[in-house]
Amino acid sequence: MQDRGETMLELAQRHVLEGEDRVARQRAVIATMERDHHAETAATAREVLATLEESLRLAKQHLEAERFKQANKKT
């Protein structure tokens, strides 16, 4: 699904950037929880982090596929 008038390549790039931001924020949340001795909550937050990291991995794969398509596009 495209929005904002983006090309598929631009959309894939945005998804990677947003995913990287989410992962960074989640890591910061976990660090705060661990610092404040909220071990159980931090464990749950690490599970969420694993999901975010997997989503980011998939977004990066999509970006590479879009770059490949762009590079091999016949003009």
N, C-alpha and C. Protein backbone atom coordinates (compact mmCIF):
# COMPACT_ATOMS: atom_id res chain seq x y z
N MET A 1 0.85 -1.18 0.00
CA MET A 1 0.00 0.00 0.00
C MET A 1 0.89 1.24 0.00
N GLN A 2 0.65 2.11 -0.92
CA GLN A 2 1.40 3.35 -1.00
C GLN A 2 0.56 4.48 -0.43
N ASP A 3 1.22 5.37 0.26
CA ASP A 3 0.55 6.58 0.72
C ASP A 3 1.54 7.72 0.60
N ARG A 4 1.05 8.92 0.80
CA ARG A 4 1.88 10.12 0.71
C ARG A 4 2.47 10.32 -0.69
N GLY A 5 1.95 9.66 -1.68
CA GLY A 5 2.47 9.81 -3.03
C GLY A 5 3.88 9.26 -3.19
N GLU A 6 4.24 8.29 -2.36
CA GLU A 6 5.59 7.73 -2.40
C GLU A 6 5.70 6.62 -3.44
N THR A 7 6.90 6.47 -3.96
CA THR A 7 7.19 5.30 -4.78
C THR A 7 7.37 4.12 -3.83
N MET A 8 7.38 2.93 -4.37
CA MET A 8 7.60 1.75 -3.53
C MET A 8 8.97 1.81 -2.85
N LEU A 9 9.96 2.35 -3.56
CA LEU A 9 11.29 2.48 -2.99
C LEU A 9 11.27 3.46 -1.82
N GLU A 10 10.62 4.59 -2.00
CA GLU A 10 10.53 5.58 -0.92
C GLU A 10 9.78 5.02 0.29
N LEU A 11 8.72 4.29 0.02
CA LEU A 11 7.95 3.67 1.09
C LEU A 11 8.81 2.68 1.87
N ALA A 12 9.56 1.86 1.16
CA ALA A 12 10.44 0.89 1.81
C ALA A 12 11.51 1.59 2.63
N GLN A 13 12.06 2.68 2.11
CA GLN A 13 13.07 3.45 2.86
C GLN A 13 12.47 4.02 4.14
N ARG A 14 11.26 4.56 4.03
CA ARG A 14 10.60 5.13 5.21
C ARG A 14 10.33 4.05 6.25
N HIS A 15 9.89 2.89 5.80
CA HIS A 15 9.61 1.81 6.74
C HIS A 15 10.87 1.39 7.50
N VAL A 16 12.00 1.37 6.83
CA VAL A 16 13.26 1.03 7.51
C VAL A 16 13.61 2.10 8.54
N LEU A 17 13.53 3.35 8.14
CA LEU A 17 13.84 4.44 9.09
C LEU A 17 12.92 4.41 10.30
N GLU A 18 11.63 4.21 10.06
CA GLU A 18 10.69 4.15 11.17
C GLU A 18 10.95 2.94 12.06
N GLY A 19 11.30 1.82 11.44
CA GLY A 19 11.62 0.62 12.21
C GLY A 19 12.86 0.80 13.07
N GLU A 20 13.87 1.45 12.51
CA GLU A 20 15.08 1.71 13.29
C GLU A 20 14.77 2.60 14.48
N ASP A 21 13.91 3.59 14.27
CA ASP A 21 13.51 4.47 15.37
C ASP A 21 12.77 3.69 16.44
N ARG A 22 11.84 2.83 16.05
CA ARG A 22 11.08 2.04 17.02
C ARG A 22 12.00 1.14 17.84
N VAL A 23 12.95 0.50 17.18
CA VAL A 23 13.88 -0.39 17.87
C VAL A 23 14.72 0.41 18.87
N ALA A 24 15.20 1.55 18.46
CA ALA A 24 16.01 2.39 19.36
C ALA A 24 15.20 2.83 20.57
N ARG A 25 13.96 3.24 20.34
CA ARG A 25 13.11 3.68 21.46
C ARG A 25 12.81 2.52 22.40
N GLN A 26 12.56 1.34 21.84
CA GLN A 26 12.27 0.18 22.69
C GLN A 26 13.49 -0.20 23.52
N ARG A 27 14.67 -0.12 22.93
CA ARG A 27 15.90 -0.40 23.70
C ARG A 27 16.05 0.58 24.85
N ALA A 28 15.72 1.84 24.61
CA ALA A 28 15.79 2.85 25.68
C ALA A 28 14.79 2.54 26.79
N VAL A 29 13.60 2.12 26.40
CA VAL A 29 12.58 1.75 27.38
C VAL A 29 13.07 0.59 28.24
N ILE A 30 13.65 -0.40 27.60
CA ILE A 30 14.16 -1.57 28.33
C ILE A 30 15.27 -1.15 29.29
N ALA A 31 16.17 -0.30 28.84
CA ALA A 31 17.26 0.16 29.71
C ALA A 31 16.69 0.87 30.95
N THR A 32 15.68 1.67 30.75
CA THR A 32 15.05 2.37 31.88
C THR A 32 14.39 1.37 32.83
N MET A 33 13.69 0.41 32.28
CA MET A 33 13.04 -0.60 33.12
C MET A 33 14.05 -1.39 33.93
N GLU A 34 15.14 -1.78 33.28
CA GLU A 34 16.18 -2.54 33.98
C GLU A 34 16.84 -1.69 35.05
N ARG A 35 17.10 -0.44 34.74
CA ARG A 35 17.70 0.47 35.71
C ARG A 35 16.81 0.64 36.94
N ASP A 36 15.51 0.67 36.69
CA ASP A 36 14.54 0.87 37.77
C ASP A 36 14.07 -0.44 38.40
N HIS A 37 14.74 -1.53 38.06
CA HIS A 37 14.49 -2.85 38.67
C HIS A 37 13.08 -3.39 38.38
N HIS A 38 12.65 -3.25 37.14
CA HIS A 38 11.37 -3.81 36.71
C HIS A 38 11.65 -4.99 35.78
N ALA A 39 12.19 -6.04 36.37
CA ALA A 39 12.68 -7.18 35.59
C ALA A 39 11.59 -7.86 34.78
N GLU A 40 10.43 -8.11 35.38
CA GLU A 40 9.36 -8.79 34.65
C GLU A 40 8.87 -7.97 33.47
N THR A 41 8.67 -6.69 33.71
CA THR A 41 8.21 -5.81 32.63
C THR A 41 9.28 -5.68 31.55
N ALA A 42 10.54 -5.63 31.97
CA ALA A 42 11.63 -5.56 31.00
C ALA A 42 11.68 -6.82 30.14
N ALA A 43 11.38 -7.96 30.74
CA ALA A 43 11.37 -9.21 29.97
C ALA A 43 10.29 -9.16 28.89
N THR A 44 9.13 -8.65 29.24
CA THR A 44 8.06 -8.50 28.25
C THR A 44 8.48 -7.50 27.17
N ALA A 45 9.12 -6.43 27.58
CA ALA A 45 9.58 -5.41 26.63
C ALA A 45 10.62 -6.00 25.69
N ARG A 46 11.44 -6.94 26.17
CA ARG A 46 12.43 -7.59 25.29
C ARG A 46 11.73 -8.46 24.25
N GLU A 47 10.60 -9.05 24.62
CA GLU A 47 9.83 -9.83 23.64
C GLU A 47 9.29 -8.90 22.55
N VAL A 48 8.81 -7.75 22.96
CA VAL A 48 8.33 -6.76 21.98
C VAL A 48 9.50 -6.33 21.10
N LEU A 49 10.66 -6.11 21.70
CA LEU A 49 11.84 -5.72 20.94
C LEU A 49 12.18 -6.77 19.88
N ALA A 50 12.09 -8.03 20.24
CA ALA A 50 12.38 -9.10 19.27
C ALA A 50 11.43 -9.01 18.08
N THR A 51 10.18 -8.72 18.33
CA THR A 51 9.20 -8.57 17.25
C THR A 51 9.54 -7.35 16.39
N LEU A 52 9.88 -6.25 17.04
CA LEU A 52 10.26 -5.04 16.30
C LEU A 52 11.50 -5.29 15.45
N GLU A 53 12.47 -6.01 16.00
CA GLU A 53 13.70 -6.31 15.24
C GLU A 53 13.40 -7.19 14.04
N GLU A 54 12.49 -8.15 14.20
CA GLU A 54 12.11 -9.01 13.07
C GLU A 54 11.40 -8.17 12.01
N SER A 55 10.52 -7.28 12.42
CA SER A 55 9.84 -6.40 11.47
C SER A 55 10.85 -5.54 10.72
N LEU A 56 11.84 -5.05 11.44
CA LEU A 56 12.89 -4.23 10.81
C LEU A 56 13.69 -5.07 9.81
N ARG A 57 13.99 -6.29 10.18
CA ARG A 57 14.73 -7.18 9.27
C ARG A 57 13.94 -7.37 7.97
N LEU A 58 12.64 -7.59 8.11
CA LEU A 58 11.79 -7.76 6.92
C LEU A 58 11.70 -6.47 6.10
N ALA A 59 11.64 -5.34 6.78
CA ALA A 59 11.60 -4.05 6.07
C ALA A 59 12.90 -3.84 5.28
N LYS A 60 14.01 -4.23 5.88
CA LYS A 60 15.30 -4.10 5.17
C LYS A 60 15.36 -5.02 3.96
N GLN A 61 14.79 -6.21 4.09
CA GLN A 61 14.74 -7.12 2.94
C GLN A 61 13.90 -6.51 1.83
N HIS A 62 12.78 -5.94 2.21
CA HIS A 62 11.91 -5.30 1.21
C HIS A 62 12.64 -4.14 0.53
N LEU A 63 13.36 -3.35 1.31
CA LEU A 63 14.11 -2.23 0.75
C LEU A 63 15.14 -2.74 -0.26
N GLU A 64 15.84 -3.79 0.09
CA GLU A 64 16.84 -4.33 -0.85
C GLU A 64 16.17 -4.84 -2.12
N ALA A 65 15.01 -5.46 -1.98
CA ALA A 65 14.29 -5.94 -3.17
C ALA A 65 13.86 -4.77 -4.05
N GLU A 66 13.40 -3.70 -3.43
CA GLU A 66 13.00 -2.52 -4.21
C GLU A 66 14.20 -1.88 -4.88
N ARG A 67 15.32 -1.82 -4.19
CA ARG A 67 16.55 -1.27 -4.80
C ARG A 67 16.98 -2.12 -5.98
N PHE A 68 16.88 -3.44 -5.82
CA PHE A 68 17.24 -4.34 -6.91
C PHE A 68 16.33 -4.11 -8.11
N LYS A 69 15.03 -4.02 -7.85
CA LYS A 69 14.08 -3.76 -8.95
C LYS A 69 14.40 -2.44 -9.64
N GLN A 70 14.70 -1.42 -8.85
CA GLN A 70 14.99 -0.09 -9.40
C GLN A 70 16.26 -0.15 -10.27
N ALA A 71 17.28 -0.84 -9.77
CA ALA A 71 18.55 -0.93 -10.49
C ALA A 71 18.42 -1.72 -11.79
N ASN A 72 17.47 -2.65 -11.83
CA ASN A 72 17.33 -3.51 -13.00
C ASN A 72 16.12 -3.16 -13.85
N LYS A 73 15.54 -2.00 -13.57
CA LYS A 73 14.37 -1.55 -14.33
C LYS A 73 14.80 -1.19 -15.76
N LYS A 74 14.03 -1.65 -16.70
CA LYS A 74 14.30 -1.32 -18.10
C LYS A 74 13.68 0.03 -18.39
N THR A 75 14.47 0.91 -18.96
CA THR A 75 13.96 2.25 -19.30
C THR A 75 13.90 2.44 -20.79
